[in-house]
């Protein structure tokens, strides 16, 4: 999924920095001056909800797009939690590149 997202965003003309886990993502967002973050809710070690809470506190103006296929819990409840924690937009997998662009644009 990560390489697919990277390709979608690069093709759309975005500069992309990727991370496989929450801690790396937080560090890269802060040091790279990210304007937006696309975060998968289900991630190894800590989940994307942790990322949303922490990045919102550290970089309050960053645009956050939360994505999920839901796993066993279903995407709807996870994405509602993400929105409640500060995600600006949510997308259920699978989604199109135009859906992602719309979510990033706000």
N, C-alpha and C. Protein backbone atom coordinates (compact mmCIF):
# COMPACT_ATOMS: atom_id res chain seq x y z
N UNK A 1 0.82 -1.19 0.00
CA UNK A 1 0.00 0.00 0.00
C UNK A 1 0.87 1.26 0.00
N UNK A 2 1.95 1.23 0.77
CA UNK A 2 2.81 2.40 0.86
C UNK A 2 3.39 2.78 -0.50
N UNK A 3 3.89 1.83 -1.24
CA UNK A 3 4.47 2.15 -2.54
C UNK A 3 3.40 2.59 -3.53
N UNK A 4 2.20 2.04 -3.41
CA UNK A 4 1.09 2.46 -4.27
C UNK A 4 0.73 3.92 -3.98
N UNK A 5 0.62 4.28 -2.71
CA UNK A 5 0.33 5.67 -2.34
C UNK A 5 1.43 6.61 -2.81
N UNK A 6 2.67 6.20 -2.61
CA UNK A 6 3.79 7.02 -3.04
C UNK A 6 3.71 7.29 -4.54
N UNK A 7 3.40 6.26 -5.31
CA UNK A 7 3.26 6.43 -6.75
C UNK A 7 2.12 7.36 -7.12
N UNK A 8 0.99 7.20 -6.46
CA UNK A 8 -0.17 8.07 -6.74
C UNK A 8 0.18 9.54 -6.48
N UNK A 9 0.82 9.78 -5.35
CA UNK A 9 1.13 11.16 -4.96
C UNK A 9 2.23 11.76 -5.82
N UNK A 10 3.24 10.97 -6.15
CA UNK A 10 4.32 11.44 -7.00
C UNK A 10 3.79 11.77 -8.39
N UNK A 11 2.96 10.91 -8.93
CA UNK A 11 2.35 11.15 -10.24
C UNK A 11 1.53 12.43 -10.25
N UNK A 12 0.91 12.74 -9.11
CA UNK A 12 0.10 13.96 -9.00
C UNK A 12 0.95 15.21 -8.77
N UNK A 13 2.27 15.03 -8.66
CA UNK A 13 3.16 16.17 -8.55
C UNK A 13 3.57 16.55 -7.13
N UNK A 14 3.29 15.69 -6.17
CA UNK A 14 3.65 15.98 -4.77
C UNK A 14 5.06 15.47 -4.47
N UNK A 15 5.76 16.19 -3.62
CA UNK A 15 7.00 15.69 -3.04
C UNK A 15 6.59 14.75 -1.92
N UNK A 16 7.11 13.53 -1.93
CA UNK A 16 6.64 12.51 -1.00
C UNK A 16 7.78 12.00 -0.13
N UNK A 17 7.50 11.89 1.15
CA UNK A 17 8.39 11.26 2.12
C UNK A 17 7.56 10.18 2.79
N UNK A 18 8.10 8.97 2.88
CA UNK A 18 7.34 7.86 3.44
C UNK A 18 7.92 7.39 4.76
N UNK A 19 7.08 6.69 5.52
CA UNK A 19 7.50 6.08 6.78
C UNK A 19 6.67 4.82 7.00
N UNK A 20 7.29 3.83 7.59
CA UNK A 20 6.60 2.56 7.85
C UNK A 20 5.99 2.48 9.24
N UNK A 21 6.32 3.46 10.11
CA UNK A 21 5.77 3.41 11.47
C UNK A 21 5.53 4.82 11.98
N UNK A 22 4.82 4.91 13.09
CA UNK A 22 4.41 6.19 13.66
C UNK A 22 5.61 7.06 14.02
N UNK A 23 6.56 6.51 14.74
CA UNK A 23 7.69 7.33 15.21
C UNK A 23 8.50 7.91 14.05
N UNK A 24 8.77 7.10 13.05
CA UNK A 24 9.50 7.59 11.88
C UNK A 24 8.68 8.64 11.15
N UNK A 25 7.39 8.42 11.02
CA UNK A 25 6.51 9.38 10.36
C UNK A 25 6.48 10.72 11.07
N UNK A 26 6.41 10.69 12.39
CA UNK A 26 6.41 11.94 13.16
C UNK A 26 7.71 12.70 12.97
N UNK A 27 8.82 11.98 13.05
CA UNK A 27 10.13 12.62 12.89
C UNK A 27 10.26 13.23 11.50
N UNK A 28 9.89 12.47 10.49
CA UNK A 28 10.02 12.98 9.11
C UNK A 28 9.08 14.14 8.84
N UNK A 29 7.88 14.09 9.36
CA UNK A 29 6.94 15.21 9.15
C UNK A 29 7.49 16.48 9.76
N UNK A 30 8.07 16.36 10.95
CA UNK A 30 8.62 17.54 11.63
C UNK A 30 9.87 18.07 10.93
N UNK A 31 10.78 17.18 10.58
CA UNK A 31 12.06 17.63 10.01
C UNK A 31 11.95 18.03 8.54
N UNK A 32 10.99 17.47 7.82
CA UNK A 32 10.83 17.76 6.40
C UNK A 32 9.88 18.92 6.14
N UNK A 33 9.23 19.44 7.17
CA UNK A 33 8.29 20.54 6.99
C UNK A 33 7.08 20.14 6.18
N UNK A 34 6.51 18.99 6.50
CA UNK A 34 5.37 18.47 5.74
C UNK A 34 4.16 19.39 5.83
N UNK A 35 3.46 19.51 4.71
CA UNK A 35 2.22 20.27 4.66
C UNK A 35 1.01 19.38 4.84
N UNK A 36 1.19 18.09 4.56
CA UNK A 36 0.09 17.13 4.66
C UNK A 36 0.65 15.76 5.04
N UNK A 37 -0.23 14.94 5.63
CA UNK A 37 0.13 13.57 5.97
C UNK A 37 -1.03 12.66 5.61
N UNK A 38 -0.70 11.58 4.92
CA UNK A 38 -1.68 10.53 4.64
C UNK A 38 -1.30 9.38 5.57
N UNK A 39 -2.20 9.04 6.47
CA UNK A 39 -1.86 8.05 7.49
C UNK A 39 -2.84 6.89 7.47
N UNK A 40 -2.27 5.70 7.41
CA UNK A 40 -3.08 4.48 7.50
C UNK A 40 -3.36 4.24 8.98
N UNK A 41 -4.58 3.89 9.30
CA UNK A 41 -4.93 3.69 10.70
C UNK A 41 -4.26 2.44 11.27
N UNK A 42 -4.27 1.35 10.51
CA UNK A 42 -3.67 0.11 11.00
C UNK A 42 -2.21 0.04 10.58
N UNK A 43 -1.31 0.24 11.56
CA UNK A 43 0.12 0.25 11.32
C UNK A 43 0.79 -0.62 12.38
N UNK A 44 2.04 -1.06 12.11
CA UNK A 44 2.73 -1.87 13.11
C UNK A 44 3.07 -1.05 14.36
N UNK A 45 3.21 -1.72 15.46
CA UNK A 45 3.58 -1.14 16.76
C UNK A 45 2.51 -0.20 17.28
N UNK A 46 2.50 1.05 16.87
CA UNK A 46 1.47 2.01 17.29
C UNK A 46 0.60 2.30 16.07
N UNK A 47 -0.66 2.60 16.29
CA UNK A 47 -1.56 2.80 15.15
C UNK A 47 -1.60 4.25 14.70
N UNK A 48 -2.27 4.45 13.57
CA UNK A 48 -2.38 5.78 12.99
C UNK A 48 -3.13 6.77 13.86
N UNK A 49 -3.98 6.28 14.77
CA UNK A 49 -4.67 7.18 15.69
C UNK A 49 -3.66 7.87 16.60
N UNK A 50 -2.64 7.13 17.04
CA UNK A 50 -1.55 7.74 17.82
C UNK A 50 -0.84 8.82 17.01
N UNK A 51 -0.58 8.51 15.74
CA UNK A 51 0.07 9.49 14.86
C UNK A 51 -0.76 10.77 14.77
N UNK A 52 -2.06 10.62 14.56
CA UNK A 52 -2.93 11.79 14.40
C UNK A 52 -2.89 12.65 15.66
N UNK A 53 -3.01 12.04 16.82
CA UNK A 53 -2.99 12.81 18.07
C UNK A 53 -1.68 13.56 18.24
N UNK A 54 -0.57 12.87 17.98
CA UNK A 54 0.73 13.50 18.19
C UNK A 54 1.07 14.55 17.14
N UNK A 55 0.77 14.27 15.88
CA UNK A 55 1.11 15.24 14.84
C UNK A 55 0.22 16.48 14.95
N UNK A 56 -1.01 16.30 15.36
CA UNK A 56 -1.90 17.44 15.54
C UNK A 56 -1.37 18.36 16.64
N UNK A 57 -0.80 17.77 17.68
CA UNK A 57 -0.23 18.55 18.77
C UNK A 57 1.06 19.26 18.33
N UNK A 58 1.90 18.57 17.57
CA UNK A 58 3.19 19.11 17.18
C UNK A 58 3.11 20.05 15.97
N UNK A 59 2.26 19.71 15.01
CA UNK A 59 2.11 20.50 13.79
C UNK A 59 0.61 20.77 13.57
N UNK A 60 0.04 21.71 14.30
CA UNK A 60 -1.42 21.89 14.27
C UNK A 60 -2.00 22.26 12.91
N UNK A 61 -1.19 22.81 12.02
CA UNK A 61 -1.72 23.25 10.73
C UNK A 61 -1.58 22.22 9.61
N UNK A 62 -0.96 21.10 9.88
CA UNK A 62 -0.78 20.09 8.85
C UNK A 62 -2.14 19.48 8.46
N UNK A 63 -2.32 19.21 7.18
CA UNK A 63 -3.56 18.56 6.72
C UNK A 63 -3.37 17.05 6.88
N UNK A 64 -4.33 16.40 7.50
CA UNK A 64 -4.24 14.97 7.75
C UNK A 64 -5.36 14.25 7.03
N UNK A 65 -4.96 13.25 6.22
CA UNK A 65 -5.92 12.37 5.56
C UNK A 65 -5.71 10.98 6.14
N UNK A 66 -6.73 10.47 6.80
CA UNK A 66 -6.67 9.13 7.39
C UNK A 66 -7.28 8.14 6.42
N UNK A 67 -6.62 6.99 6.27
CA UNK A 67 -7.13 5.95 5.38
C UNK A 67 -7.22 4.62 6.14
N UNK A 68 -8.18 3.79 5.74
CA UNK A 68 -8.29 2.48 6.35
C UNK A 68 -9.15 1.56 5.51
N UNK A 69 -8.77 0.31 5.54
CA UNK A 69 -9.60 -0.76 5.00
C UNK A 69 -10.41 -1.38 6.12
N UNK A 70 -10.01 -1.07 7.34
CA UNK A 70 -10.76 -1.44 8.51
C UNK A 70 -10.37 -2.71 9.22
N UNK A 71 -9.80 -3.65 8.50
CA UNK A 71 -9.49 -4.91 9.17
C UNK A 71 -10.73 -5.53 9.78
N UNK A 72 -10.59 -6.15 10.93
CA UNK A 72 -11.72 -6.80 11.59
C UNK A 72 -12.72 -5.80 12.17
N UNK A 73 -12.30 -4.60 12.45
CA UNK A 73 -13.17 -3.61 13.08
C UNK A 73 -14.07 -2.88 12.10
N UNK A 74 -13.74 -2.91 10.83
CA UNK A 74 -14.48 -2.14 9.84
C UNK A 74 -13.93 -0.73 9.77
N UNK A 75 -13.89 -0.19 8.58
CA UNK A 75 -13.27 1.13 8.36
C UNK A 75 -14.06 2.27 8.98
N UNK A 76 -15.38 2.16 8.97
CA UNK A 76 -16.21 3.28 9.42
C UNK A 76 -15.92 3.74 10.83
N UNK A 77 -15.87 2.83 11.78
CA UNK A 77 -15.64 3.22 13.16
C UNK A 77 -14.22 3.76 13.37
N UNK A 78 -13.25 3.15 12.71
CA UNK A 78 -11.87 3.64 12.83
C UNK A 78 -11.73 5.04 12.25
N UNK A 79 -12.34 5.27 11.11
CA UNK A 79 -12.22 6.58 10.48
C UNK A 79 -13.01 7.65 11.24
N UNK A 80 -14.09 7.28 11.89
CA UNK A 80 -14.82 8.23 12.75
C UNK A 80 -13.93 8.64 13.92
N UNK A 81 -13.22 7.68 14.51
CA UNK A 81 -12.28 8.00 15.59
C UNK A 81 -11.17 8.92 15.07
N UNK A 82 -10.67 8.64 13.87
CA UNK A 82 -9.61 9.47 13.29
C UNK A 82 -10.09 10.91 13.11
N UNK A 83 -11.30 11.08 12.61
CA UNK A 83 -11.86 12.41 12.43
C UNK A 83 -12.03 13.11 13.78
N UNK A 84 -12.46 12.37 14.77
CA UNK A 84 -12.62 12.93 16.10
C UNK A 84 -11.31 13.37 16.73
N UNK A 85 -10.23 12.74 16.33
CA UNK A 85 -8.90 13.08 16.85
C UNK A 85 -8.20 14.16 16.05
N UNK A 86 -8.80 14.57 14.92
CA UNK A 86 -8.21 15.68 14.18
C UNK A 86 -7.91 15.44 12.73
N UNK A 87 -8.25 14.28 12.17
CA UNK A 87 -8.04 14.09 10.73
C UNK A 87 -8.97 15.03 9.96
N UNK A 88 -8.44 15.67 8.93
CA UNK A 88 -9.23 16.61 8.13
C UNK A 88 -10.11 15.90 7.12
N UNK A 89 -9.69 14.72 6.70
CA UNK A 89 -10.45 13.94 5.72
C UNK A 89 -10.18 12.47 5.97
N UNK A 90 -11.11 11.61 5.54
CA UNK A 90 -10.94 10.17 5.68
C UNK A 90 -11.32 9.49 4.38
N UNK A 91 -10.63 8.38 4.11
CA UNK A 91 -10.91 7.60 2.91
C UNK A 91 -10.91 6.12 3.25
N UNK A 92 -11.89 5.41 2.70
CA UNK A 92 -11.95 3.95 2.86
C UNK A 92 -11.22 3.33 1.68
N UNK A 93 -10.32 2.37 1.98
CA UNK A 93 -9.62 1.65 0.92
C UNK A 93 -10.58 0.66 0.27
N UNK A 94 -10.50 0.45 -1.00
CA UNK A 94 -9.63 1.14 -1.97
C UNK A 94 -10.25 2.48 -2.38
N UNK A 95 -9.40 3.40 -2.77
CA UNK A 95 -9.85 4.71 -3.23
C UNK A 95 -9.05 5.09 -4.46
N UNK A 96 -9.57 6.04 -5.21
CA UNK A 96 -8.91 6.46 -6.45
C UNK A 96 -7.93 7.60 -6.17
N UNK A 97 -7.07 7.86 -7.13
CA UNK A 97 -6.13 8.98 -6.99
C UNK A 97 -6.89 10.30 -6.95
N UNK A 98 -8.01 10.40 -7.66
CA UNK A 98 -8.79 11.64 -7.61
C UNK A 98 -9.44 11.82 -6.24
N UNK A 99 -9.87 10.72 -5.59
CA UNK A 99 -10.40 10.80 -4.24
C UNK A 99 -9.32 11.31 -3.27
N UNK A 100 -8.10 10.80 -3.45
CA UNK A 100 -7.00 11.23 -2.59
C UNK A 100 -6.67 12.69 -2.82
N UNK A 101 -6.63 13.12 -4.06
CA UNK A 101 -6.35 14.53 -4.36
C UNK A 101 -7.41 15.45 -3.76
N UNK A 102 -8.67 15.05 -3.86
CA UNK A 102 -9.77 15.84 -3.28
C UNK A 102 -9.60 15.93 -1.77
N UNK A 103 -9.26 14.83 -1.14
CA UNK A 103 -9.07 14.81 0.32
C UNK A 103 -7.89 15.70 0.73
N UNK A 104 -6.84 15.70 -0.05
CA UNK A 104 -5.67 16.53 0.26
C UNK A 104 -5.94 18.01 0.04
N UNK A 105 -6.75 18.31 -0.96
CA UNK A 105 -7.04 19.71 -1.28
C UNK A 105 -8.00 20.34 -0.28
N UNK A 106 -8.81 19.54 0.32
CA UNK A 106 -9.75 20.07 1.31
C UNK A 106 -10.96 20.59 0.68
